[in-house]
Amino acid sequence: MTTIEAEGSGADAGTAPVQAVHGYHHQKDEHLKRLRRIEGQIRGLQRLVDEDVYCIDILTQVSASTKALQSFALQLLEEHLRHCVADAAVKGGEGIDAKVEEATKAIARLLRT
């Protein structure tokens, strides 16, 4: 997790950096639960391979795992747009351009997968 420093803080002001609050913060427990389920799916894939299960059955489970990760990524992206990009828009200035560019690059990465 990254940290941000409040204006006027830091080593010169004698204060510690302030922890950033990310868009997913309020649903962190749900996200961790979801990621643990996905982790279980991946472990299941390992078991299927270890047990020499039929290829098509394994591919079906790979597809389900892939969809679960994509769904998680879209939820995280939505939260980023609602929190980080919206916050930058409210604050105005050049920050909004950077946040939009950052989100656009994330979307491009998701589309490549």
PDB file of N, CA and C in Angstrom:
ATOM      1  N   MET A   1       0.843  -1.172   0.000  1.00  0.00           N
ATOM      2  CA  MET A   1       0.000   0.000   0.000  1.00  0.00           C
ATOM      3  C   MET A   1       0.888   1.234   0.000  1.00  0.00           C
ATOM      4  N   THR A   2       0.447   2.221  -0.693  1.00  0.00           N
ATOM      5  CA  THR A   2       1.228   3.449  -0.770  1.00  0.00           C
ATOM      6  C   THR A   2       0.856   4.381   0.367  1.00  0.00           C
ATOM      7  N   THR A   3       1.739   5.315   0.615  1.00  0.00           N
ATOM      8  CA  THR A   3       1.432   6.337   1.612  1.00  0.00           C
ATOM      9  C   THR A   3       1.470   7.692   0.933  1.00  0.00           C
ATOM     10  N   ILE A   4       0.731   8.593   1.494  1.00  0.00           N
ATOM     11  CA  ILE A   4       0.774   9.977   1.014  1.00  0.00           C
ATOM     12  C   ILE A   4       1.095  10.852   2.206  1.00  0.00           C
ATOM     13  N   GLU A   5       1.652  11.977   1.931  1.00  0.00           N
ATOM     14  CA  GLU A   5       1.953  12.906   3.015  1.00  0.00           C
ATOM     15  C   GLU A   5       0.983  14.059   2.946  1.00  0.00           C
ATOM     16  N   ALA A   6       0.446  14.390   4.090  1.00  0.00           N
ATOM     17  CA  ALA A   6      -0.447  15.542   4.158  1.00  0.00           C
ATOM     18  C   ALA A   6       0.376  16.800   3.920  1.00  0.00           C
ATOM     19  N   GLU A   7      -0.270  17.794   3.364  1.00  0.00           N
ATOM     20  CA  GLU A   7       0.434  19.047   3.083  1.00  0.00           C
ATOM     21  C   GLU A   7       1.060  19.598   4.354  1.00  0.00           C
ATOM     22  N   GLY A   8       2.327  19.928   4.283  1.00  0.00           N
ATOM     23  CA  GLY A   8       3.019  20.495   5.434  1.00  0.00           C
ATOM     24  C   GLY A   8       3.552  19.443   6.386  1.00  0.00           C
ATOM     25  N   SER A   9       3.424  18.163   6.041  1.00  0.00           N
ATOM     26  CA  SER A   9       3.940  17.129   6.930  1.00  0.00           C
ATOM     27  C   SER A   9       5.216  16.559   6.346  1.00  0.00           C
ATOM     28  N   GLY A  10       5.722  15.521   6.956  1.00  0.00           N
ATOM     29  CA  GLY A  10       6.935  14.885   6.474  1.00  0.00           C
ATOM     30  C   GLY A  10       8.062  15.091   7.447  1.00  0.00           C
ATOM     31  N   ALA A  11       9.283  14.795   6.986  1.00  0.00           N
ATOM     32  CA  ALA A  11      10.442  14.856   7.875  1.00  0.00           C
ATOM     33  C   ALA A  11      10.666  16.263   8.424  1.00  0.00           C
ATOM     34  N   ASP A  12      10.438  17.284   7.590  1.00  0.00           N
ATOM     35  CA  ASP A  12      10.661  18.650   8.043  1.00  0.00           C
ATOM     36  C   ASP A  12       9.675  19.065   9.121  1.00  0.00           C
ATOM     37  N   ALA A  13       8.457  18.589   9.034  1.00  0.00           N
ATOM     38  CA  ALA A  13       7.428  18.979   9.992  1.00  0.00           C
ATOM     39  C   ALA A  13       7.436  18.075  11.221  1.00  0.00           C
ATOM     40  N   GLY A  14       8.226  16.995  11.182  1.00  0.00           N
ATOM     41  CA  GLY A  14       8.335  16.101  12.312  1.00  0.00           C
ATOM     42  C   GLY A  14       7.162  15.152  12.470  1.00  0.00           C
ATOM     43  N   THR A  15       6.386  14.915  11.393  1.00  0.00           N
ATOM     44  CA  THR A  15       5.265  13.993  11.461  1.00  0.00           C
ATOM     45  C   THR A  15       5.478  12.846  10.493  1.00  0.00           C
ATOM     46  N   ALA A  16       4.805  11.740  10.758  1.00  0.00           N
ATOM     47  CA  ALA A  16       4.898  10.562   9.891  1.00  0.00           C
ATOM     48  C   ALA A  16       3.972  10.731   8.690  1.00  0.00           C
ATOM     49  N   PRO A  17       4.245  10.023   7.587  1.00  0.00           N
ATOM     50  CA  PRO A  17       3.351  10.071   6.431  1.00  0.00           C
ATOM     51  C   PRO A  17       1.956   9.563   6.799  1.00  0.00           C
ATOM     52  N   VAL A  18       0.936  10.095   6.143  1.00  0.00           N
ATOM     53  CA  VAL A  18      -0.441   9.694   6.358  1.00  0.00           C
ATOM     54  C   VAL A  18      -0.753   8.529   5.421  1.00  0.00           C
ATOM     55  N   GLN A  19      -1.414   7.496   5.932  1.00  0.00           N
ATOM     56  CA  GLN A  19      -1.774   6.333   5.127  1.00  0.00           C
ATOM     57  C   GLN A  19      -2.898   6.712   4.169  1.00  0.00           C
ATOM     58  N   ALA A  20      -2.753   6.340   2.896  1.00  0.00           N
ATOM     59  CA  ALA A  20      -3.777   6.637   1.902  1.00  0.00           C
ATOM     60  C   ALA A  20      -4.991   5.743   2.113  1.00  0.00           C
ATOM     61  N   VAL A  21      -6.173   6.277   1.861  1.00  0.00           N
ATOM     62  CA  VAL A  21      -7.396   5.484   1.885  1.00  0.00           C
ATOM     63  C   VAL A  21      -7.775   5.236   0.443  1.00  0.00           C
ATOM     64  N   HIS A  22      -7.775   3.965   0.066  1.00  0.00           N
ATOM     65  CA  HIS A  22      -8.064   3.602  -1.319  1.00  0.00           C
ATOM     66  C   HIS A  22      -9.559   3.351  -1.504  1.00  0.00           C
ATOM     67  N   GLY A  23      -9.998   3.370  -2.750  1.00  0.00           N
ATOM     68  CA  GLY A  23     -11.410   3.199  -3.068  1.00  0.00           C
ATOM     69  C   GLY A  23     -11.995   1.891  -2.580  1.00  0.00           C
ATOM     70  N   TYR A  24     -11.188   0.865  -2.483  1.00  0.00           N
ATOM     71  CA  TYR A  24     -11.684  -0.442  -2.052  1.00  0.00           C
ATOM     72  C   TYR A  24     -11.706  -0.599  -0.534  1.00  0.00           C
ATOM     73  N   HIS A  25     -11.238   0.409   0.196  1.00  0.00           N
ATOM     74  CA  HIS A  25     -11.066   0.311   1.644  1.00  0.00           C
ATOM     75  C   HIS A  25     -12.322  -0.161   2.375  1.00  0.00           C
ATOM     76  N   HIS A  26     -13.477   0.360   2.010  1.00  0.00           N
ATOM     77  CA  HIS A  26     -14.707   0.041   2.736  1.00  0.00           C
ATOM     78  C   HIS A  26     -15.195  -1.379   2.466  1.00  0.00           C
ATOM     79  N   GLN A  27     -14.706  -2.006   1.394  1.00  0.00           N
ATOM     80  CA  GLN A  27     -15.098  -3.379   1.075  1.00  0.00           C
ATOM     81  C   GLN A  27     -13.907  -4.329   1.139  1.00  0.00           C
ATOM     82  N   LYS A  28     -12.903  -3.944   1.866  1.00  0.00           N
ATOM     83  CA  LYS A  28     -11.667  -4.722   1.923  1.00  0.00           C
ATOM     84  C   LYS A  28     -11.913  -6.163   2.364  1.00  0.00           C
ATOM     85  N   ASP A  29     -12.701  -6.363   3.411  1.00  0.00           N
ATOM     86  CA  ASP A  29     -12.964  -7.715   3.903  1.00  0.00           C
ATOM     87  C   ASP A  29     -13.656  -8.567   2.847  1.00  0.00           C
ATOM     88  N   GLU A  30     -14.630  -7.980   2.138  1.00  0.00           N
ATOM     89  CA  GLU A  30     -15.318  -8.718   1.077  1.00  0.00           C
ATOM     90  C   GLU A  30     -14.365  -9.067  -0.059  1.00  0.00           C
ATOM     91  N   HIS A  31     -13.488  -8.133  -0.389  1.00  0.00           N
ATOM     92  CA  HIS A  31     -12.509  -8.399  -1.458  1.00  0.00           C
ATOM     93  C   HIS A  31     -11.561  -9.521  -1.054  1.00  0.00           C
ATOM     94  N   LEU A  32     -11.096  -9.492   0.178  1.00  0.00           N
ATOM     95  CA  LEU A  32     -10.196 -10.551   0.637  1.00  0.00           C
ATOM     96  C   LEU A  32     -10.899 -11.903   0.633  1.00  0.00           C
ATOM     97  N   LYS A  33     -12.150 -11.925   1.030  1.00  0.00           N
ATOM     98  CA  LYS A  33     -12.933 -13.163   1.008  1.00  0.00           C
ATOM     99  C   LYS A  33     -13.058 -13.683  -0.428  1.00  0.00           C
ATOM    100  N   ARG A  34     -13.335 -12.774  -1.337  1.00  0.00           N
ATOM    101  CA  ARG A  34     -13.474 -13.140  -2.749  1.00  0.00           C
ATOM    102  C   ARG A  34     -12.153 -13.672  -3.315  1.00  0.00           C
ATOM    103  N   LEU A  35     -11.057 -13.014  -2.961  1.00  0.00           N
ATOM    104  CA  LEU A  35      -9.748 -13.469  -3.436  1.00  0.00           C
ATOM    105  C   LEU A  35      -9.384 -14.832  -2.853  1.00  0.00           C
ATOM    106  N   ARG A  36      -9.789 -15.089  -1.636  1.00  0.00           N
ATOM    107  CA  ARG A  36      -9.540 -16.413  -1.046  1.00  0.00           C
ATOM    108  C   ARG A  36     -10.322 -17.496  -1.786  1.00  0.00           C
ATOM    109  N   ARG A  37     -11.542 -17.169  -2.208  1.00  0.00           N
ATOM    110  CA  ARG A  37     -12.321 -18.130  -3.006  1.00  0.00           C
ATOM    111  C   ARG A  37     -11.618 -18.406  -4.332  1.00  0.00           C
ATOM    112  N   ILE A  38     -11.115 -17.346  -4.963  1.00  0.00           N
ATOM    113  CA  ILE A  38     -10.395 -17.512  -6.232  1.00  0.00           C
ATOM    114  C   ILE A  38      -9.137 -18.346  -6.013  1.00  0.00           C
ATOM    115  N   GLU A  39      -8.447 -18.072  -4.917  1.00  0.00           N
ATOM    116  CA  GLU A  39      -7.267 -18.867  -4.572  1.00  0.00           C
ATOM    117  C   GLU A  39      -7.643 -20.342  -4.434  1.00  0.00           C
ATOM    118  N   GLY A  40      -8.800 -20.600  -3.834  1.00  0.00           N
ATOM    119  CA  GLY A  40      -9.281 -21.982  -3.720  1.00  0.00           C
ATOM    120  C   GLY A  40      -9.533 -22.604  -5.080  1.00  0.00           C
ATOM    121  N   GLN A  41     -10.064 -21.812  -6.006  1.00  0.00           N
ATOM    122  CA  GLN A  41     -10.282 -22.313  -7.363  1.00  0.00           C
ATOM    123  C   GLN A  41      -8.952 -22.691  -8.016  1.00  0.00           C
ATOM    124  N   ILE A  42      -7.942 -21.880  -7.812  1.00  0.00           N
ATOM    125  CA  ILE A  42      -6.625 -22.156  -8.399  1.00  0.00           C
ATOM    126  C   ILE A  42      -6.028 -23.412  -7.778  1.00  0.00           C
ATOM    127  N   ARG A  43      -6.169 -23.551  -6.481  1.00  0.00           N
ATOM    128  CA  ARG A  43      -5.690 -24.783  -5.817  1.00  0.00           C
ATOM    129  C   ARG A  43      -6.446 -25.995  -6.361  1.00  0.00           C
ATOM    130  N   GLY A  44      -7.733 -25.803  -6.627  1.00  0.00           N
ATOM    131  CA  GLY A  44      -8.532 -26.877  -7.233  1.00  0.00           C
ATOM    132  C   GLY A  44      -7.987 -27.268  -8.600  1.00  0.00           C
ATOM    133  N   LEU A  45      -7.553 -26.285  -9.361  1.00  0.00           N
ATOM    134  CA  LEU A  45      -6.941 -26.575 -10.670  1.00  0.00           C
ATOM    135  C   LEU A  45      -5.690 -27.430 -10.505  1.00  0.00           C
ATOM    136  N   GLN A  46      -4.888 -27.084  -9.527  1.00  0.00           N
ATOM    137  CA  GLN A  46      -3.677 -27.869  -9.262  1.00  0.00           C
ATOM    138  C   GLN A  46      -4.041 -29.311  -8.924  1.00  0.00           C
ATOM    139  N   ARG A  47      -5.080 -29.472  -8.128  1.00  0.00           N
ATOM    140  CA  ARG A  47      -5.530 -30.815  -7.748  1.00  0.00           C
ATOM    141  C   ARG A  47      -6.025 -31.587  -8.967  1.00  0.00           C
ATOM    142  N   LEU A  48      -6.780 -30.918  -9.840  1.00  0.00           N
ATOM    143  CA  LEU A  48      -7.280 -31.571 -11.041  1.00  0.00           C
ATOM    144  C   LEU A  48      -6.136 -32.081 -11.919  1.00  0.00           C
ATOM    145  N   VAL A  49      -5.109 -31.260 -12.077  1.00  0.00           N
ATOM    146  CA  VAL A  49      -3.952 -31.674 -12.873  1.00  0.00           C
ATOM    147  C   VAL A  49      -3.242 -32.832 -12.184  1.00  0.00           C
ATOM    148  N   ASP A  50      -3.067 -32.721 -10.885  1.00  0.00           N
ATOM    149  CA  ASP A  50      -2.401 -33.775 -10.116  1.00  0.00           C
ATOM    150  C   ASP A  50      -3.150 -35.100 -10.234  1.00  0.00           C
ATOM    151  N   GLU A  51      -4.481 -35.032 -10.306  1.00  0.00           N
ATOM    152  CA  GLU A  51      -5.305 -36.241 -10.391  1.00  0.00           C
ATOM    153  C   GLU A  51      -5.563 -36.680 -11.832  1.00  0.00           C
ATOM    154  N   ASP A  52      -4.880 -36.068 -12.800  1.00  0.00           N
ATOM    155  CA  ASP A  52      -5.011 -36.432 -14.218  1.00  0.00           C
ATOM    156  C   ASP A  52      -6.455 -36.375 -14.725  1.00  0.00           C
ATOM    157  N   VAL A  53      -7.151 -35.311 -14.357  1.00  0.00           N
ATOM    158  CA  VAL A  53      -8.528 -35.107 -14.807  1.00  0.00           C
ATOM    159  C   VAL A  53      -8.510 -34.743 -16.297  1.00  0.00           C
ATOM    160  N   TYR A  54      -9.584 -35.053 -16.977  1.00  0.00           N
ATOM    161  CA  TYR A  54      -9.739 -34.804 -18.411  1.00  0.00           C
ATOM    162  C   TYR A  54      -9.495 -33.321 -18.735  1.00  0.00           C
ATOM    163  N   CYS A  55      -8.760 -33.058 -19.803  1.00  0.00           N
ATOM    164  CA  CYS A  55      -8.334 -31.704 -20.196  1.00  0.00           C
ATOM    165  C   CYS A  55      -9.489 -30.709 -20.268  1.00  0.00           C
ATOM    166  N   ILE A  56     -10.580 -31.104 -20.909  1.00  0.00           N
ATOM    167  CA  ILE A  56     -11.703 -30.192 -21.096  1.00  0.00           C
ATOM    168  C   ILE A  56     -12.309 -29.804 -19.751  1.00  0.00           C
ATOM    169  N   ASP A  57     -12.351 -30.734 -18.804  1.00  0.00           N
ATOM    170  CA  ASP A  57     -12.867 -30.417 -17.469  1.00  0.00           C
ATOM    171  C   ASP A  57     -11.965 -29.397 -16.769  1.00  0.00           C
ATOM    172  N   ILE A  58     -10.673 -29.536 -16.948  1.00  0.00           N
ATOM    173  CA  ILE A  58      -9.734 -28.566 -16.368  1.00  0.00           C
ATOM    174  C   ILE A  58      -9.907 -27.208 -17.028  1.00  0.00           C
ATOM    175  N   LEU A  59     -10.039 -27.188 -18.346  1.00  0.00           N
ATOM    176  CA  LEU A  59     -10.225 -25.932 -19.070  1.00  0.00           C
ATOM    177  C   LEU A  59     -11.507 -25.222 -18.641  1.00  0.00           C
ATOM    178  N   THR A  60     -12.535 -25.979 -18.340  1.00  0.00           N
ATOM    179  CA  THR A  60     -13.782 -25.390 -17.848  1.00  0.00           C
ATOM    180  C   THR A  60     -13.531 -24.667 -16.526  1.00  0.00           C
ATOM    181  N   GLN A  61     -12.753 -25.282 -15.659  1.00  0.00           N
ATOM    182  CA  GLN A  61     -12.430 -24.655 -14.374  1.00  0.00           C
ATOM    183  C   GLN A  61     -11.491 -23.458 -14.549  1.00  0.00           C
ATOM    184  N   VAL A  62     -10.584 -23.532 -15.527  1.00  0.00           N
ATOM    185  CA  VAL A  62      -9.716 -22.385 -15.834  1.00  0.00           C
ATOM    186  C   VAL A  62     -10.577 -21.206 -16.260  1.00  0.00           C
ATOM    187  N   SER A  63     -11.570 -21.476 -17.096  1.00  0.00           N
ATOM    188  CA  SER A  63     -12.465 -20.416 -17.551  1.00  0.00           C
ATOM    189  C   SER A  63     -13.207 -19.784 -16.370  1.00  0.00           C
ATOM    190  N   ALA A  64     -13.687 -20.606 -15.455  1.00  0.00           N
ATOM    191  CA  ALA A  64     -14.403 -20.089 -14.289  1.00  0.00           C
ATOM    192  C   ALA A  64     -13.481 -19.232 -13.422  1.00  0.00           C
ATOM    193  N   SER A  65     -12.242 -19.668 -13.240  1.00  0.00           N
ATOM    194  CA  SER A  65     -11.280 -18.905 -12.451  1.00  0.00           C
ATOM    195  C   SER A  65     -10.942 -17.581 -13.121  1.00  0.00           C
ATOM    196  N   THR A  66     -10.775 -17.626 -14.419  1.00  0.00           N
ATOM    197  CA  THR A  66     -10.474 -16.415 -15.187  1.00  0.00           C
ATOM    198  C   THR A  66     -11.621 -15.412 -15.068  1.00  0.00           C
ATOM    199  N   LYS A  67     -12.848 -15.892 -15.202  1.00  0.00           N
ATOM    200  CA  LYS A  67     -14.014 -15.009 -15.079  1.00  0.00           C
ATOM    201  C   LYS A  67     -14.095 -14.406 -13.680  1.00  0.00           C
ATOM    202  N   ALA A  68     -13.769 -15.187 -12.665  1.00  0.00           N
ATOM    203  CA  ALA A  68     -13.815 -14.680 -11.289  1.00  0.00           C
ATOM    204  C   ALA A  68     -12.796 -13.560 -11.107  1.00  0.00           C
ATOM    205  N   LEU A  69     -11.591 -13.735 -11.649  1.00  0.00           N
ATOM    206  CA  LEU A  69     -10.572 -12.680 -11.552  1.00  0.00           C
ATOM    207  C   LEU A  69     -10.975 -11.442 -12.345  1.00  0.00           C
ATOM    208  N   GLN A  70     -11.555 -11.648 -13.526  1.00  0.00           N
ATOM    209  CA  GLN A  70     -12.002 -10.505 -14.321  1.00  0.00           C
ATOM    210  C   GLN A  70     -13.102  -9.730 -13.598  1.00  0.00           C
ATOM    211  N   SER A  71     -14.009 -10.448 -12.984  1.00  0.00           N
ATOM    212  CA  SER A  71     -15.084  -9.808 -12.239  1.00  0.00           C
ATOM    213  C   SER A  71     -14.522  -9.009 -11.069  1.00  0.00           C
ATOM    214  N   PHE A  72     -13.553  -9.578 -10.371  1.00  0.00           N
ATOM    215  CA  PHE A  72     -12.903  -8.865  -9.268  1.00  0.00           C
ATOM    216  C   PHE A  72     -12.215  -7.603  -9.789  1.00  0.00           C
ATOM    217  N   ALA A  73     -11.514  -7.722 -10.903  1.00  0.00           N
ATOM    218  CA  ALA A  73     -10.812  -6.576 -11.474  1.00  0.00           C
ATOM    219  C   ALA A  73     -11.787  -5.461 -11.854  1.00  0.00           C
ATOM    220  N   LEU A  74     -12.913  -5.810 -12.431  1.00  0.00           N
ATOM    221  CA  LEU A  74     -13.904  -4.802 -12.799  1.00  0.00           C
ATOM    222  C   LEU A  74     -14.487  -4.098 -11.573  1.00  0.00           C
ATOM    223  N   GLN A  75     -14.715  -4.857 -10.510  1.00  0.00           N
ATOM    224  CA  GLN A  75     -15.212  -4.253  -9.271  1.00  0.00           C
ATOM    225  C   GLN A  75     -14.185  -3.261  -8.722  1.00  0.00           C
ATOM    226  N   LEU A  76     -12.929  -3.669  -8.716  1.00  0.00           N
ATOM    227  CA  LEU A  76     -11.866  -2.801  -8.221  1.00  0.00           C
ATOM    228  C   LEU A  76     -11.736  -1.553  -9.099  1.00  0.00           C
ATOM    229  N   LEU A  77     -11.851  -1.723 -10.401  1.00  0.00           N
ATOM    230  CA  LEU A  77     -11.791  -0.583 -11.319  1.00  0.00           C
ATOM    231  C   LEU A  77     -12.952   0.377 -11.067  1.00  0.00           C
ATOM    232  N   GLU A  78     -14.135  -0.160 -10.863  1.00  0.00           N
ATOM    233  CA  GLU A  78     -15.289   0.695 -10.575  1.00  0.00           C
ATOM    234  C   GLU A  78     -15.061   1.506  -9.301  1.00  0.00           C
ATOM    235  N   GLU A  79     -14.530   0.843  -8.270  1.00  0.00           N
ATOM    236  CA  GLU A  79     -14.256   1.545  -7.026  1.00  0.00           C
ATOM    237  C   GLU A  79     -13.183   2.610  -7.221  1.00  0.00           C
ATOM    238  N   HIS A  80     -12.194   2.323  -8.065  1.00  0.00           N
ATOM    239  CA  HIS A  80     -11.157   3.316  -8.361  1.00  0.00           C
ATOM    240  C   HIS A  80     -11.783   4.543  -9.039  1.00  0.00           C
ATOM    241  N   LEU A  81     -12.652   4.296  -9.996  1.00  0.00           N
ATOM    242  CA  LEU A  81     -13.297   5.410 -10.698  1.00  0.00           C
ATOM    243  C   LEU A  81     -14.180   6.222  -9.748  1.00  0.00           C
ATOM    244  N   ARG A  82     -14.945   5.537  -8.924  1.00  0.00           N
ATOM    245  CA  ARG A  82     -15.855   6.223  -8.003  1.00  0.00           C
ATOM    246  C   ARG A  82     -15.112   6.988  -6.914  1.00  0.00           C
ATOM    247  N   HIS A  83     -13.981   6.474  -6.480  1.00  0.00           N
ATOM    248  CA  HIS A  83     -13.273   7.104  -5.368  1.00  0.00           C
ATOM    249  C   HIS A  83     -12.139   7.998  -5.856  1.00  0.00           C
ATOM    250  N   CYS A  84     -11.141   7.405  -6.464  1.00  0.00           N
ATOM    251  CA  CYS A  84      -9.910   8.137  -6.800  1.00  0.00           C
ATOM    252  C   CYS A  84     -10.110   9.144  -7.937  1.00  0.00           C
ATOM    253  N   VAL A  85     -10.752   8.685  -9.016  1.00  0.00           N
ATOM    254  CA  VAL A  85     -10.954   9.593 -10.154  1.00  0.00           C
ATOM    255  C   VAL A  85     -11.963  10.678  -9.786  1.00  0.00           C
ATOM    256  N   ALA A  86     -13.035  10.296  -9.111  1.00  0.00           N
ATOM    257  CA  ALA A  86     -14.034  11.295  -8.707  1.00  0.00           C
ATOM    258  C   ALA A  86     -13.427  12.315  -7.747  1.00  0.00           C
ATOM    259  N   ASP A  87     -12.590  11.848  -6.826  1.00  0.00           N
ATOM    260  CA  ASP A  87     -11.927  12.758  -5.885  1.00  0.00           C
ATOM    261  C   ASP A  87     -11.019  13.739  -6.625  1.00  0.00           C
ATOM    262  N   ALA A  88     -10.285  13.234  -7.607  1.00  0.00           N
ATOM    263  CA  ALA A  88      -9.417  14.112  -8.397  1.00  0.00           C
ATOM    264  C   ALA A  88     -10.237  15.130  -9.187  1.00  0.00           C
ATOM    265  N   ALA A  89     -11.406  14.709  -9.673  1.00  0.00           N
ATOM    266  CA  ALA A  89     -12.268  15.629 -10.422  1.00  0.00           C
ATOM    267  C   ALA A  89     -12.782  16.753  -9.523  1.00  0.00           C
ATOM    268  N   VAL A  90     -13.140  16.405  -8.300  1.00  0.00           N
ATOM    269  CA  VAL A  90     -13.631  17.412  -7.353  1.00  0.00           C
ATOM    270  C   VAL A  90     -12.533  18.405  -7.013  1.00  0.00           C
ATOM    271  N   LYS A  91     -11.306  17.892  -6.835  1.00  0.00           N
ATOM    272  CA  LYS A  91     -10.178  18.759  -6.489  1.00  0.00           C
ATOM    273  C   LYS A  91      -9.726  19.603  -7.674  1.00  0.00           C
ATOM    274  N   GLY A  92     -10.015  19.140  -8.894  1.00  0.00           N
ATOM    275  CA  GLY A  92      -9.656  19.886 -10.093  1.00  0.00           C
ATOM    276  C   GLY A  92      -8.171  19.851 -10.372  1.00  0.00           C
ATOM    277  N   GLY A  93      -7.746  20.672 -11.283  1.00  0.00           N
ATOM    278  CA  GLY A  93      -6.336  20.752 -11.629  1.00  0.00           C
ATOM    279  C   GLY A  93      -5.894  19.618 -12.536  1.00  0.00           C
ATOM    280  N   GLU A  94      -4.594  19.414 -12.574  1.00  0.00           N
ATOM    281  CA  GLU A  94      -4.011  18.412 -13.459  1.00  0.00           C
ATOM    282  C   GLU A  94      -4.148  16.997 -12.913  1.00  0.00           C
ATOM    283  N   GLY A  95      -4.507  16.839 -11.661  1.00  0.00           N
ATOM    284  CA  GLY A  95      -4.639  15.521 -11.055  1.00  0.00           C
ATOM    285  C   GLY A  95      -5.660  14.648 -11.750  1.00  0.00           C
ATOM    286  N   ILE A  96      -6.728  15.257 -12.248  1.00  0.00           N
ATOM    287  CA  ILE A  96      -7.765  14.480 -12.925  1.00  0.00           C
ATOM    288  C   ILE A  96      -7.227  13.831 -14.182  1.00  0.00           C
ATOM    289  N   ASP A  97      -6.406  14.538 -14.935  1.00  0.00           N
ATOM    290  CA  ASP A  97      -5.831  13.965 -16.158  1.00  0.00           C
ATOM    291  C   ASP A  97      -4.971  12.750 -15.847  1.00  0.00           C
ATOM    292  N   ALA A  98      -4.190  12.839 -14.785  1.00  0.00           N
ATOM    293  CA  ALA A  98      -3.334  11.717 -14.396  1.00  0.00           C
ATOM    294  C   ALA A  98      -4.176  10.516 -13.974  1.00  0.00           C
ATOM    295  N   LYS A  99      -5.234  10.740 -13.215  1.00  0.00           N
ATOM    296  CA  LYS A  99      -6.095   9.642 -12.763  1.00  0.00           C
ATOM    297  C   LYS A  99      -6.844   8.995 -13.922  1.00  0.00           C
ATOM    298  N   VAL A 100      -7.311   9.793 -14.865  1.00  0.00           N
ATOM    299  CA  VAL A 100      -8.006   9.250 -16.031  1.00  0.00           C
ATOM    300  C   VAL A 100      -7.030   8.430 -16.877  1.00  0.00           C
ATOM    301  N   GLU A 101      -5.825   8.952 -17.066  1.00  0.00           N
ATOM    302  CA  GLU A 101      -4.813   8.214 -17.827  1.00  0.00           C
ATOM    303  C   GLU A 101      -4.474   6.899 -17.132  1.00  0.00           C
ATOM    304  N   GLU A 102      -4.319   6.945 -15.829  1.00  0.00           N
ATOM    305  CA  GLU A 102      -4.026   5.744 -15.041  1.00  0.00           C
ATOM    306  C   GLU A 102      -5.150   4.711 -15.203  1.00  0.00           C
ATOM    307  N   ALA A 103      -6.395   5.140 -15.111  1.00  0.00           N
ATOM    308  CA  ALA A 103      -7.536   4.238 -15.267  1.00  0.00           C
ATOM    309  C   ALA A 103      -7.602   3.687 -16.690  1.00  0.00           C
ATOM    310  N   THR A 104      -7.324   4.523 -17.676  1.00  0.00           N
ATOM    311  CA  THR A 104      -7.342   4.083 -19.070  1.00  0.00           C
ATOM    312  C   THR A 104      -6.299   2.998 -19.314  1.00  0.00           C
ATOM    313  N   LYS A 105      -5.120   3.177 -18.753  1.00  0.00           N
ATOM    314  CA  LYS A 105      -4.068   2.160 -18.898  1.00  0.00           C
ATOM    315  C   LYS A 105      -4.464   0.855 -18.207  1.00  0.00           C
ATOM    316  N   ALA A 106      -5.110   0.961 -17.062  1.00  0.00           N
ATOM    317  CA  ALA A 106      -5.572  -0.245 -16.359  1.00  0.00           C
ATOM    318  C   ALA A 106      -6.605  -0.981 -17.197  1.00  0.00           C
ATOM    319  N   ILE A 107      -7.524  -0.238 -17.813  1.00  0.00           N
ATOM    320  CA  ILE A 107      -8.536  -0.843 -18.676  1.00  0.00           C
ATOM    321  C   ILE A 107      -7.869  -1.520 -19.865  1.00  0.00           C
ATOM    322  N   ALA A 108      -6.887  -0.859 -20.452  1.00  0.00           N
ATOM    323  CA  ALA A 108      -6.164  -1.450 -21.596  1.00  0.00           C
ATOM    324  C   ALA A 108      -5.493  -2.768 -21.191  1.00  0.00           C
ATOM    325  N   ARG A 109      -4.911  -2.802 -19.994  1.00  0.00           N
ATOM    326  CA  ARG A 109      -4.281  -4.040 -19.520  1.00  0.00           C
ATOM    327  C   ARG A 109      -5.320  -5.133 -19.355  1.00  0.00           C
ATOM    328  N   LEU A 110      -6.484  -4.781 -18.837  1.00  0.00           N
ATOM    329  CA  LEU A 110      -7.540  -5.770 -18.655  1.00  0.00           C
ATOM    330  C   LEU A 110      -8.038  -6.308 -19.993  1.00  0.00           C
ATOM    331  N   LEU A 111      -8.107  -5.445 -20.985  1.00  0.00           N
ATOM    332  CA  LEU A 111      -8.575  -5.867 -22.305  1.00  0.00           C
ATOM    333  C   LEU A 111      -7.584  -6.779 -23.015  1.00  0.00           C
ATOM    334  N   ARG A 112      -6.313  -6.635 -22.685  1.00  0.00           N
ATOM    335  CA  ARG A 112      -5.287  -7.484 -23.312  1.00  0.00           C
ATOM    336  C   ARG A 112      -5.321  -8.919 -22.790  1.00  0.00           C
ATOM    337  N   THR A 113      -5.941  -9.115 -21.644  1.00  0.00           N
ATOM    338  CA  THR A 113      -5.941 -10.465 -21.060  1.00  0.00           C
ATOM    339  C   THR A 113      -7.036 -11.330 -21.629  1.00  0.00           C
TER     340      THR A 113
END
